[in-house]
């Protein structure tokens, strides 16, 4: 494995940016995931740092959508409409 100072610095910046605003973000994220897919943030298997690294440049709705697409999740509305 090659050491990459840029990656290390990026990760360090992400860690430093995990503050109370991110706590609120992850609370909202869990709510959105629960409403849309019946899971919460802990169920995603991501750490906060991993989530921000992967989805941090997206809006909350876009991040949830991209996560759902990546893991082929079925929205709860599909089950409710199918009844």
C-alpha atoms as a PDB file:
ATOM      1  CA  UNK A   1       0.000   0.000   0.000  1.00  0.00           C
ATOM      2  CA  UNK A   2       1.321   3.432  -0.909  1.00  0.00           C
ATOM      3  CA  UNK A   3       1.132   6.263   1.600  1.00  0.00           C
ATOM      4  CA  UNK A   4      -0.686   9.242   0.132  1.00  0.00           C
ATOM      5  CA  UNK A   5      -0.293  12.483   2.085  1.00  0.00           C
ATOM      6  CA  UNK A   6      -3.195  14.089   0.240  1.00  0.00           C
ATOM      7  CA  UNK A   7      -5.582  11.303   1.292  1.00  0.00           C
ATOM      8  CA  UNK A   8      -4.363  11.582   4.859  1.00  0.00           C
ATOM      9  CA  UNK A   9      -4.905  15.343   4.866  1.00  0.00           C
ATOM     10  CA  UNK A  10      -8.376  14.919   3.365  1.00  0.00           C
ATOM     11  CA  UNK A  11      -9.309  12.402   6.037  1.00  0.00           C
ATOM     12  CA  UNK A  12      -7.919  14.673   8.743  1.00  0.00           C
ATOM     13  CA  UNK A  13     -10.032  17.572   7.467  1.00  0.00           C
ATOM     14  CA  UNK A  14     -13.109  15.318   7.471  1.00  0.00           C
ATOM     15  CA  UNK A  15     -12.444  14.271  11.054  1.00  0.00           C
ATOM     16  CA  UNK A  16     -11.984  17.867  12.159  1.00  0.00           C
ATOM     17  CA  UNK A  17     -15.235  18.870  10.478  1.00  0.00           C
ATOM     18  CA  UNK A  18     -17.305  16.317  12.414  1.00  0.00           C
ATOM     19  CA  UNK A  19     -18.909  18.738  14.814  1.00  0.00           C
ATOM     20  CA  UNK A  20     -22.361  19.499  16.178  1.00  0.00           C
ATOM     21  CA  UNK A  21     -23.630  20.453  12.729  1.00  0.00           C
ATOM     22  CA  UNK A  22     -22.744  17.003  11.472  1.00  0.00           C
ATOM     23  CA  UNK A  23     -24.541  15.479  14.457  1.00  0.00           C
ATOM     24  CA  UNK A  24     -27.682  17.252  13.289  1.00  0.00           C
ATOM     25  CA  UNK A  25     -27.010  16.100   9.720  1.00  0.00           C
ATOM     26  CA  UNK A  26     -26.735  12.454  10.791  1.00  0.00           C
ATOM     27  CA  UNK A  27     -29.912  12.734  12.859  1.00  0.00           C
ATOM     28  CA  UNK A  28     -31.750  14.052   9.781  1.00  0.00           C
ATOM     29  CA  UNK A  29     -30.094  11.392   7.633  1.00  0.00           C
ATOM     30  CA  UNK A  30     -31.318   8.639   9.954  1.00  0.00           C
ATOM     31  CA  UNK A  31     -34.829  10.083   9.841  1.00  0.00           C
ATOM     32  CA  UNK A  32     -34.785  10.251   6.042  1.00  0.00           C
ATOM     33  CA  UNK A  33     -33.458   6.689   5.743  1.00  0.00           C
ATOM     34  CA  UNK A  34     -36.097   5.474   8.203  1.00  0.00           C
ATOM     35  CA  UNK A  35     -38.922   7.205   6.320  1.00  0.00           C
ATOM     36  CA  UNK A  36     -37.748   6.037   2.915  1.00  0.00           C
ATOM     37  CA  UNK A  37     -36.189   2.606   3.507  1.00  0.00           C
ATOM     38  CA  UNK A  38     -36.964   1.560   7.094  1.00  0.00           C
ATOM     39  CA  UNK A  39     -33.280   1.683   8.116  1.00  0.00           C
ATOM     40  CA  UNK A  40     -31.246   4.169  10.123  1.00  0.00           C
ATOM     41  CA  UNK A  41     -27.719   5.467   9.670  1.00  0.00           C
ATOM     42  CA  UNK A  42     -26.207   2.701  11.823  1.00  0.00           C
ATOM     43  CA  UNK A  43     -27.766   0.141   9.472  1.00  0.00           C
ATOM     44  CA  UNK A  44     -25.809   1.553   6.508  1.00  0.00           C
ATOM     45  CA  UNK A  45     -22.542   0.091   7.785  1.00  0.00           C
ATOM     46  CA  UNK A  46     -20.761   3.391   7.180  1.00  0.00           C
ATOM     47  CA  UNK A  47     -18.940   5.444   9.767  1.00  0.00           C
ATOM     48  CA  UNK A  48     -19.644   9.171   9.744  1.00  0.00           C
ATOM     49  CA  UNK A  49     -16.251   9.783   8.145  1.00  0.00           C
ATOM     50  CA  UNK A  50     -16.868   7.179   5.439  1.00  0.00           C
ATOM     51  CA  UNK A  51     -20.319   8.610   4.695  1.00  0.00           C
ATOM     52  CA  UNK A  52     -18.977  12.139   4.373  1.00  0.00           C
ATOM     53  CA  UNK A  53     -16.126  10.943   2.168  1.00  0.00           C
ATOM     54  CA  UNK A  54     -18.573   9.140  -0.136  1.00  0.00           C
ATOM     55  CA  UNK A  55     -21.698  11.315  -0.031  1.00  0.00           C
ATOM     56  CA  UNK A  56     -20.610  14.557   1.642  1.00  0.00           C
ATOM     57  CA  UNK A  57     -20.737  16.620  -1.523  1.00  0.00           C
ATOM     58  CA  UNK A  58     -24.417  15.765  -2.096  1.00  0.00           C
ATOM     59  CA  UNK A  59     -27.581  17.158  -0.565  1.00  0.00           C
ATOM     60  CA  UNK A  60     -29.257  14.963   2.025  1.00  0.00           C
ATOM     61  CA  UNK A  61     -31.883  13.743  -0.447  1.00  0.00           C
ATOM     62  CA  UNK A  62     -29.283  13.086  -3.134  1.00  0.00           C
ATOM     63  CA  UNK A  63     -27.070  11.196  -0.682  1.00  0.00           C
ATOM     64  CA  UNK A  64     -29.944   8.951   0.408  1.00  0.00           C
ATOM     65  CA  UNK A  65     -30.918   8.365  -3.217  1.00  0.00           C
ATOM     66  CA  UNK A  66     -27.334   7.501  -4.239  1.00  0.00           C
ATOM     67  CA  UNK A  67     -26.943   5.167  -1.262  1.00  0.00           C
ATOM     68  CA  UNK A  68     -30.211   3.436  -2.126  1.00  0.00           C
ATOM     69  CA  UNK A  69     -29.163   3.071  -5.766  1.00  0.00           C
ATOM     70  CA  UNK A  70     -25.754   1.683  -4.783  1.00  0.00           C
ATOM     71  CA  UNK A  71     -27.347  -1.036  -2.645  1.00  0.00           C
ATOM     72  CA  UNK A  72     -30.481  -1.535  -4.738  1.00  0.00           C
ATOM     73  CA  UNK A  73     -32.856  -0.636  -1.894  1.00  0.00           C
ATOM     74  CA  UNK A  74     -36.600  -0.665  -2.471  1.00  0.00           C
ATOM     75  CA  UNK A  75     -38.420   2.396  -1.116  1.00  0.00           C
ATOM     76  CA  UNK A  76     -41.187   1.771   1.408  1.00  0.00           C
ATOM     77  CA  UNK A  77     -43.613   3.558  -0.922  1.00  0.00           C
ATOM     78  CA  UNK A  78     -43.201   0.699  -3.422  1.00  0.00           C
ATOM     79  CA  UNK A  79     -44.454  -1.737  -0.782  1.00  0.00           C
ATOM     80  CA  UNK A  80     -47.285   0.526   0.311  1.00  0.00           C
ATOM     81  CA  UNK A  81     -48.469   1.125  -3.249  1.00  0.00           C
ATOM     82  CA  UNK A  82     -48.291  -2.575  -4.014  1.00  0.00           C
ATOM     83  CA  UNK A  83     -50.811  -3.449  -1.291  1.00  0.00           C
END
